[in-house]
Amino acid sequence: MSETPHIDIDYVANLARLDLSDDEKAKLGTQLDDILGYFNKLNSVDVEGVEPMAHAHRVFNVWREGDEPGATYAPEVLLNMAPEHRDNQVVVPKVVE
């Protein structure tokens, strides 16, 4: 297995615009080196014939009995139920400044 590369914590902190103390640099540098070490371990695993997955377990919809689409409202009915609408869209209060 190849040796874990050392992280240049000053370079990474500069990229992230972080002003770190010497103690923080030492701690974070060690933690990042450990993370890279785990990646090296993962790179040594034989994955020949293993299909890539987005999740560790198979994901599928679970439908219960009776989970069928019901009646829907026309867009005009829904817009009329909204306190305010414009251009076929519901107007809501601004929540982000």
Protein backbone atom coordinates (compact mmCIF):
# COMPACT_ATOMS: atom_id res chain seq x y z
CA MET A 1 0.00 0.00 0.00
CA SER A 2 1.31 3.45 -0.84
CA GLU A 3 2.14 5.99 1.84
CA THR A 4 -0.49 8.57 2.74
CA PRO A 5 0.38 12.01 1.34
CA HIS A 6 0.68 14.87 3.82
CA ILE A 7 -1.78 17.77 3.55
CA ASP A 8 -0.40 21.30 3.30
CA ILE A 9 -2.78 22.73 5.89
CA ASP A 10 -1.64 26.32 5.24
CA TYR A 11 -2.61 25.98 1.58
CA VAL A 12 -5.99 24.41 2.41
CA ALA A 13 -6.74 27.02 5.09
CA ASN A 14 -5.90 29.80 2.62
CA LEU A 15 -8.25 28.30 0.01
CA ALA A 16 -11.03 28.16 2.62
CA ARG A 17 -10.18 31.67 3.85
CA LEU A 18 -9.60 30.36 7.37
CA ASP A 19 -7.28 31.95 9.89
CA LEU A 20 -6.11 29.02 12.01
CA SER A 21 -3.93 28.99 15.10
CA ASP A 22 -0.91 26.70 15.19
CA ASP A 23 -2.81 24.26 17.46
CA GLU A 24 -5.77 24.18 15.05
CA LYS A 25 -3.42 23.64 12.09
CA ALA A 26 -1.77 20.71 13.85
CA LYS A 27 -5.10 19.12 14.81
CA LEU A 28 -6.78 19.63 11.42
CA GLY A 29 -3.66 18.57 9.53
CA THR A 30 -3.60 15.27 11.43
CA GLN A 31 -7.33 14.74 10.86
CA LEU A 32 -7.04 15.40 7.11
CA ASP A 33 -4.03 13.07 6.88
CA ASP A 34 -6.12 10.36 8.60
CA ILE A 35 -8.96 10.90 6.10
CA LEU A 36 -6.55 10.50 3.19
CA GLY A 37 -5.24 7.33 4.84
CA TYR A 38 -8.76 5.88 4.80
CA PHE A 39 -9.05 6.73 1.10
CA ASN A 40 -5.81 4.83 0.49
CA LYS A 41 -7.32 1.82 2.29
CA LEU A 42 -10.44 2.07 0.12
CA ASN A 43 -8.30 2.26 -3.03
CA SER A 44 -6.72 -1.09 -2.13
CA VAL A 45 -10.08 -2.91 -2.11
CA ASP A 46 -10.76 -5.11 -5.15
CA VAL A 47 -14.01 -3.89 -6.69
CA GLU A 48 -13.76 -5.82 -9.94
CA GLY A 49 -17.27 -6.72 -11.08
CA VAL A 50 -18.98 -4.58 -8.43
CA GLU A 51 -21.59 -2.27 -9.91
CA PRO A 52 -21.42 1.35 -8.65
CA MET A 53 -24.30 2.30 -6.36
CA ALA A 54 -25.69 5.57 -5.03
CA HIS A 55 -26.81 3.92 -1.77
CA ALA A 56 -25.44 1.15 0.42
CA HIS A 57 -28.80 -0.63 0.26
CA ARG A 58 -31.17 -1.07 -2.64
CA VAL A 59 -33.69 1.75 -2.78
CA PHE A 60 -37.22 1.19 -3.99
CA ASN A 61 -40.65 2.63 -3.37
CA VAL A 62 -42.82 0.87 -0.84
CA TRP A 63 -46.49 1.20 -1.65
CA ARG A 64 -49.19 0.33 0.80
CA GLU A 65 -52.52 -1.12 -0.18
CA GLY A 66 -54.71 1.80 -1.19
CA ASP A 67 -51.79 4.07 -2.15
CA GLU A 68 -53.36 5.12 -5.40
CA PRO A 69 -53.59 8.63 -6.85
CA GLY A 70 -56.76 10.38 -5.84
CA ALA A 71 -58.75 13.23 -7.27
CA THR A 72 -56.83 16.37 -8.16
CA TYR A 73 -57.86 19.99 -8.35
CA ALA A 74 -57.67 22.12 -11.45
CA PRO A 75 -54.91 24.78 -11.26
CA GLU A 76 -57.53 27.54 -11.31
CA VAL A 77 -59.22 26.13 -8.20
CA LEU A 78 -55.90 25.94 -6.33
CA LEU A 79 -54.94 29.47 -7.36
CA ASN A 80 -58.29 30.77 -6.14
CA MET A 81 -57.61 29.14 -2.74
CA ALA A 82 -54.28 31.01 -2.40
CA PRO A 83 -54.30 34.39 -0.65
CA GLU A 84 -52.37 35.91 -3.57
CA HIS A 85 -51.36 34.68 -7.01
CA ARG A 86 -49.68 36.09 -10.09
CA ASP A 87 -48.80 34.59 -13.50
CA ASN A 88 -50.30 31.20 -12.59
CA GLN A 89 -48.11 31.00 -9.45
CA VAL A 90 -48.86 31.34 -5.76
CA VAL A 91 -47.21 34.42 -4.20
CA VAL A 92 -45.62 33.78 -0.82
CA PRO A 93 -43.82 36.12 1.60
CA LYS A 94 -40.09 36.53 1.07
CA VAL A 95 -38.21 34.33 3.55
CA VAL A 96 -34.59 35.00 2.49
CA GLU A 97 -33.01 38.42 2.80
